């Protein structure tokens, strides 16, 4: 079965920044936050100080049968705009790299227009979560506010895609109502909500209502890191299957895209397990799996 990883991170170099300060690689796949906390960011078998396109192709995508990947920006890894720009040119048919900006930097309008008009990006990804993204560095802000709406409109002008990681329901960044508003105001823009809105045990009713709110023609969801979010849940992740089936009843399999959230997610389980668990746990039919693994992501990110 053909596969597109709809949520993969590369880091060259590791240069993250969030509420814990900066993150820098220290070897062995480990990184250190500015507050001194050391953590495993990259499995040692995938990378030492970096996780590059070549390392991903050789050590993960090739062995696991992944044909293409969407390269998401992430605060743990740092803004990778310059590196992603080189990959746009080097691997145009293999990767869909994202750009990202801080909407509160002085020249944010100039930056997003440069990425879209001069550099050739058509995907902008924003990790806005309070836990690990922009709202851990700034006071909470409206995802349908002036700054973000300018960004959405600019990406929409260029027939692009905006992906948003909004964290879980306990975070001020979790704003499905604002995403709904933005999607209404930008009907020709494709929105992707990462991690299926990070379902939380005990909050199933609220999560389902949010999915219903965002069941819109121009909104999709990636399901990256669902096994990690629903930990403890052992391979092939029956709890993940339960939540995916609940989501399928609301938004259908046509709106979901498989992804690994590697390399960090692969520090919890192998890339092989993160790639094939949907084939084992019965969350989707065989026909639906073709959409979730490949067709949906191809339509959103790669279709010309």
Protein backbone atom coordinates (compact mmCIF):
# COMPACT_ATOMS: atom_id res chain seq x y z
CA UNK A 1 0.00 0.00 0.00
CA UNK A 2 1.37 3.42 -0.99
CA UNK A 3 2.06 5.80 1.88
CA UNK A 4 2.58 9.52 2.41
CA UNK A 5 3.74 10.60 5.84
CA UNK A 6 1.61 13.71 6.33
CA UNK A 7 3.50 14.87 9.42
CA UNK A 8 7.28 14.45 9.49
CA UNK A 9 9.89 16.73 11.06
CA UNK A 10 13.43 17.31 9.82
CA UNK A 11 16.08 19.30 11.69
CA UNK A 12 19.26 20.66 10.15
CA UNK A 13 20.30 22.09 12.56
CA UNK A 14 18.28 21.62 15.78
CA UNK A 15 17.50 25.19 16.80
CA UNK A 16 14.23 25.08 18.73
CA UNK A 17 12.59 27.67 20.93
CA UNK A 18 9.53 27.49 23.17
CA UNK A 19 8.48 27.99 26.79
CA UNK A 20 11.52 26.05 28.07
CA UNK A 21 13.91 28.29 26.15
CA UNK A 22 16.08 27.20 23.25
CA UNK A 23 16.79 23.58 22.30
CA UNK A 24 20.16 22.51 20.93
CA UNK A 25 21.49 19.11 19.88
CA UNK A 26 24.09 17.62 22.24
CA UNK A 27 24.76 14.30 20.45
CA UNK A 28 23.32 10.82 20.44
CA UNK A 29 19.99 12.20 19.23
CA UNK A 30 19.59 14.11 22.51
CA UNK A 31 18.81 17.80 22.87
CA UNK A 32 18.92 20.21 25.79
CA UNK A 33 16.46 22.96 26.58
CA UNK A 34 17.56 26.36 27.82
CA UNK A 35 16.33 25.42 31.30
CA UNK A 36 18.84 22.54 31.38
CA UNK A 37 16.37 19.72 30.70
CA UNK A 38 17.86 17.00 28.47
CA UNK A 39 15.60 14.79 26.37
CA UNK A 40 15.76 12.29 23.51
CA UNK A 41 14.64 14.16 20.40
CA UNK A 42 15.85 11.77 17.69
CA UNK A 43 16.28 7.99 17.99
CA UNK A 44 20.05 7.34 17.71
CA UNK A 45 19.47 5.02 14.76
CA UNK A 46 17.88 7.89 12.82
CA UNK A 47 20.32 10.69 13.57
CA UNK A 48 22.97 12.08 15.91
CA UNK A 49 22.96 15.89 15.79
CA UNK A 50 20.54 16.30 12.88
CA UNK A 51 17.69 14.54 11.11
CA UNK A 52 18.11 15.35 7.44
CA UNK A 53 16.18 14.43 4.31
CA UNK A 54 18.84 11.90 3.41
CA UNK A 55 18.74 10.32 6.89
CA UNK A 56 14.94 10.15 6.69
CA UNK A 57 15.01 8.53 3.24
CA UNK A 58 17.67 5.98 4.15
CA UNK A 59 16.77 5.10 7.72
CA UNK A 60 12.99 5.51 7.80
CA UNK A 61 11.11 6.15 4.54
CA UNK A 62 12.90 3.57 2.40
CA UNK A 63 12.74 0.69 4.91
CA UNK A 64 9.10 1.46 5.82
CA UNK A 65 7.85 1.93 2.27
CA UNK A 66 6.94 5.60 2.57
CA UNK A 67 6.86 7.27 -0.85
CA UNK A 68 6.49 10.94 0.10
CA UNK A 69 6.42 13.10 3.22
CA UNK A 70 5.04 16.44 4.36
CA UNK A 71 7.70 18.34 6.30
CA UNK A 72 6.14 20.15 9.23
CA UNK A 73 7.72 22.94 11.22
CA UNK A 74 7.97 22.32 14.95
CA UNK A 75 9.14 24.31 17.95
CA UNK A 76 11.36 21.53 19.33
CA UNK A 77 13.35 21.51 16.11
CA UNK A 78 13.29 25.23 15.38
CA UNK A 79 12.32 27.12 12.26
CA UNK A 80 13.69 25.17 9.28
CA UNK A 81 12.68 27.59 6.54
CA UNK A 82 16.09 27.85 4.89
CA UNK A 83 16.66 24.10 4.98
CA UNK A 84 13.14 23.41 3.74
CA UNK A 85 13.71 25.84 0.86
CA UNK A 86 16.68 23.77 -0.33
CA UNK A 87 14.50 20.64 -0.22
CA UNK A 88 11.84 22.28 -2.38
CA UNK A 89 14.45 22.42 -5.12
CA UNK A 90 16.26 19.14 -4.41
CA UNK A 91 13.29 16.79 -3.87
CA UNK A 92 10.25 18.44 -5.51
CA UNK A 93 8.35 15.17 -5.97
CA UNK A 94 9.23 13.55 -2.65
CA UNK A 95 8.73 16.23 -0.01
CA UNK A 96 6.19 18.98 0.64
CA UNK A 97 8.15 21.31 2.95
CA UNK A 98 6.43 23.91 5.10
CA UNK A 99 7.41 27.43 6.02
CA UNK A 100 6.58 29.09 9.31
CA UNK A 101 6.83 32.49 10.98
CA UNK A 102 6.06 34.15 14.28
CA UNK A 103 2.99 36.30 13.51
CA UNK A 104 4.14 38.85 16.08
CA UNK A 105 7.50 39.63 14.52
CA UNK A 106 7.64 43.08 12.97
CA UNK A 107 8.05 41.96 9.36
CA UNK A 108 5.66 39.00 9.38
CA UNK A 109 3.73 40.27 6.34
CA UNK A 110 6.88 40.61 4.28
CA UNK A 111 8.10 37.19 5.42
CA UNK A 112 4.97 35.21 4.52
CA UNK A 113 4.76 36.92 1.13
CA UNK A 114 8.42 36.12 0.42
CA UNK A 115 7.89 32.46 1.29
CA UNK A 116 4.83 32.20 -0.95
CA UNK A 117 5.81 34.45 -3.86
CA UNK A 118 9.58 34.09 -4.17
CA UNK A 119 10.59 30.87 -2.43
CA UNK A 120 7.87 28.62 -3.83
CA UNK A 121 6.28 27.32 -0.60
CA UNK A 122 2.61 26.42 -0.70
CA UNK A 123 2.34 25.07 2.86
CA UNK A 124 2.58 27.17 6.03
CA UNK A 125 2.53 25.33 9.36
CA UNK A 126 2.09 26.92 12.77
CA UNK A 127 2.71 25.19 16.06
CA UNK A 128 0.68 27.48 18.25
CA UNK A 129 0.12 25.17 21.22
CA UNK A 130 0.60 26.51 24.71
CA UNK A 131 2.53 23.38 25.64
CA UNK A 132 5.20 23.53 22.97
CA UNK A 133 4.44 26.30 20.51
CA UNK A 134 3.94 30.02 20.03
CA UNK A 135 1.43 30.48 22.86
CA UNK A 136 4.09 29.23 25.25
CA UNK A 137 6.25 32.17 24.12
CA UNK A 138 3.49 34.78 23.74
CA UNK A 139 0.30 35.56 25.58
CA UNK A 140 -2.65 33.61 24.13
CA UNK A 141 -3.90 35.10 20.88
CA UNK A 142 -6.89 34.60 18.62
CA UNK A 143 -6.29 32.16 15.75
CA UNK A 144 -8.78 34.21 13.74
CA UNK A 145 -7.22 37.51 14.79
CA UNK A 146 -5.75 40.18 12.53
CA UNK A 147 -2.24 38.73 12.22
CA UNK A 148 -3.30 35.17 11.52
CA UNK A 149 -6.04 36.23 9.09
CA UNK A 150 -3.47 38.17 7.05
CA UNK A 151 -1.36 35.01 6.86
CA UNK A 152 -4.34 32.83 5.89
CA UNK A 153 -5.43 35.25 3.17
CA UNK A 154 -1.91 35.42 1.75
CA UNK A 155 -1.61 31.63 1.59
CA UNK A 156 -5.11 31.42 0.11
CA UNK A 157 -4.09 33.85 -2.67
CA UNK A 158 -1.40 31.36 -3.63
CA UNK A 159 -3.69 28.31 -3.54
CA UNK A 160 -1.85 26.93 -0.53
CA UNK A 161 -2.41 25.02 2.68
CA UNK A 162 -2.23 26.08 6.34
CA UNK A 163 -1.60 23.44 9.02
CA UNK A 164 -2.21 24.21 12.70
CA UNK A 165 -1.11 22.37 15.83
CA UNK A 166 -3.39 23.81 18.51
CA UNK A 167 -2.58 21.48 21.40
CA UNK A 168 -5.16 19.79 23.60
CA UNK A 169 -8.43 20.98 25.10
CA UNK A 170 -6.83 22.23 28.34
CA UNK A 171 -4.72 24.80 26.47
CA UNK A 172 -5.79 28.36 25.51
CA UNK A 173 -4.39 27.59 22.04
CA UNK A 174 -7.14 24.99 21.50
CA UNK A 175 -9.55 27.15 19.46
CA UNK A 176 -11.73 25.11 17.08
CA UNK A 177 -14.23 27.99 16.90
CA UNK A 178 -11.52 30.33 15.56
CA UNK A 179 -10.42 27.77 12.97
CA UNK A 180 -14.06 27.45 11.91
CA UNK A 181 -14.30 31.24 11.53
CA UNK A 182 -11.08 31.39 9.52
CA UNK A 183 -12.18 28.51 7.28
CA UNK A 184 -15.45 30.32 6.55
CA UNK A 185 -13.60 33.54 5.70
CA UNK A 186 -11.05 31.69 3.51
CA UNK A 187 -13.18 29.17 1.60
CA UNK A 188 -10.46 28.52 -1.01
CA UNK A 189 -7.76 27.78 1.57
CA UNK A 190 -7.09 24.21 2.68
CA UNK A 191 -6.78 23.96 6.47
CA UNK A 192 -5.22 20.96 8.21
CA UNK A 193 -5.66 20.49 11.95
CA UNK A 194 -2.79 18.43 13.29
CA UNK A 195 -3.05 15.45 15.65
CA UNK A 196 -6.84 15.16 15.23
CA UNK A 197 -7.28 17.93 17.83
CA UNK A 198 -5.28 15.89 20.38
CA UNK A 199 -8.10 13.79 21.90
CA UNK A 200 -8.04 13.64 25.69
CA UNK A 201 -9.52 10.87 27.80
CA UNK A 202 -12.53 12.10 29.75
CA UNK A 203 -13.21 14.91 27.25
CA UNK A 204 -14.69 12.80 24.44
CA UNK A 205 -17.94 14.79 24.26
CA UNK A 206 -16.15 18.10 23.83
CA UNK A 207 -13.73 16.58 21.32
CA UNK A 208 -16.57 15.21 19.20
CA UNK A 209 -18.35 18.56 19.26
CA UNK A 210 -15.15 20.24 18.04
CA UNK A 211 -14.86 17.71 15.21
CA UNK A 212 -18.47 18.43 14.26
CA UNK A 213 -17.72 22.17 14.33
CA UNK A 214 -14.81 21.67 11.92
CA UNK A 215 -16.53 19.18 9.62
CA UNK A 216 -16.17 21.65 6.74
CA UNK A 217 -15.34 21.25 3.04
CA UNK A 218 -11.92 22.92 3.36
CA UNK A 219 -10.74 21.35 6.65
CA UNK A 220 -8.74 18.11 7.00
CA UNK A 221 -7.02 16.42 9.95
CA UNK A 222 -3.76 14.56 10.29
CA UNK A 223 -3.67 11.74 12.82
CA UNK A 224 0.03 11.97 13.60
CA UNK A 225 1.12 11.02 17.13
CA UNK A 226 -2.30 9.68 18.14
CA UNK A 227 -0.69 6.58 19.75
CA UNK A 228 1.63 8.85 21.75
CA UNK A 229 -1.18 11.23 22.73
CA UNK A 230 -3.28 8.32 23.99
CA UNK A 231 -0.47 6.65 25.94
CA UNK A 232 -0.37 4.22 27.62
CA UNK A 233 -1.55 2.29 24.58
CA UNK A 234 0.51 -0.64 23.31
CA UNK A 235 1.07 -1.53 19.65
CA UNK A 236 -1.06 -1.92 17.57
CA UNK A 237 -2.78 0.71 19.68
CA UNK A 238 -6.37 -0.40 20.32
CA UNK A 239 -7.18 2.85 22.16
CA UNK A 240 -6.04 4.83 19.13
CA UNK A 241 -8.31 2.65 16.97
CA UNK A 242 -11.27 3.44 19.21
CA UNK A 243 -10.76 7.21 18.90
CA UNK A 244 -10.09 7.01 15.16
CA UNK A 245 -13.35 5.12 14.70
CA UNK A 246 -15.20 7.78 16.71
CA UNK A 247 -13.68 10.48 14.50
CA UNK A 248 -14.50 8.52 11.34
CA UNK A 249 -18.19 8.56 12.26
CA UNK A 250 -18.12 12.38 12.29
CA UNK A 251 -15.66 13.55 9.64
CA UNK A 252 -15.24 10.32 7.59
CA UNK A 253 -11.98 8.70 6.55
CA UNK A 254 -11.79 11.08 3.57
CA UNK A 255 -10.73 13.85 5.95
CA UNK A 256 -7.97 11.98 7.83
CA UNK A 257 -4.30 11.63 6.91
CA UNK A 258 -1.79 9.25 8.48
CA UNK A 259 1.51 10.62 9.78
CA UNK A 260 4.20 9.58 12.24
CA UNK A 261 5.32 12.84 13.91
CA UNK A 262 8.83 11.35 13.71
CA UNK A 263 11.52 11.64 14.80
CA UNK A 264 10.35 12.54 18.34
CA UNK A 265 7.40 10.13 18.24
CA UNK A 266 9.83 7.39 17.18
CA UNK A 267 11.62 7.69 20.52
CA UNK A 268 8.52 6.01 22.03
CA UNK A 269 8.11 3.23 19.44
CA UNK A 270 9.71 2.11 16.20
CA UNK A 271 9.10 3.79 12.86
CA UNK A 272 7.90 0.42 11.60
CA UNK A 273 5.16 0.29 14.25
CA UNK A 274 4.20 3.93 13.73
CA UNK A 275 3.89 3.17 10.01
CA UNK A 276 1.95 -0.11 10.00
CA UNK A 277 -0.27 0.03 13.10
CA UNK A 278 -3.32 1.03 11.08
CA UNK A 279 -2.95 -2.19 9.11
CA UNK A 280 -3.20 -4.17 12.36
CA UNK A 281 -5.81 -2.53 14.57
CA UNK A 282 -8.92 -2.44 12.37
CA UNK A 283 -9.63 1.27 12.64
CA UNK A 284 -10.34 1.53 8.91
CA UNK A 285 -11.47 -0.68 6.04
CA UNK A 286 -8.99 -1.55 3.29
CA UNK A 287 -10.56 1.03 0.99
CA UNK A 288 -10.41 3.68 3.71
CA UNK A 289 -6.77 2.85 4.41
CA UNK A 290 -5.86 3.79 0.84
CA UNK A 291 -7.33 7.23 1.50
CA UNK A 292 -5.84 7.67 4.97
CA UNK A 293 -2.37 6.44 4.01
CA UNK A 294 -2.06 8.14 0.63
CA UNK A 295 -4.96 9.61 -1.37
CA UNK A 296 -6.05 12.31 1.08
CA UNK A 297 -2.54 13.65 1.67
CA UNK A 298 -1.79 13.57 -2.05
CA UNK A 299 -4.91 15.66 -2.72
CA UNK A 300 -4.20 18.19 0.04
CA UNK A 301 -0.44 18.62 -0.36
CA UNK A 302 0.82 17.27 -3.69
CA UNK A 303 -1.99 17.59 -6.24
CA UNK A 304 -1.20 20.31 -8.80
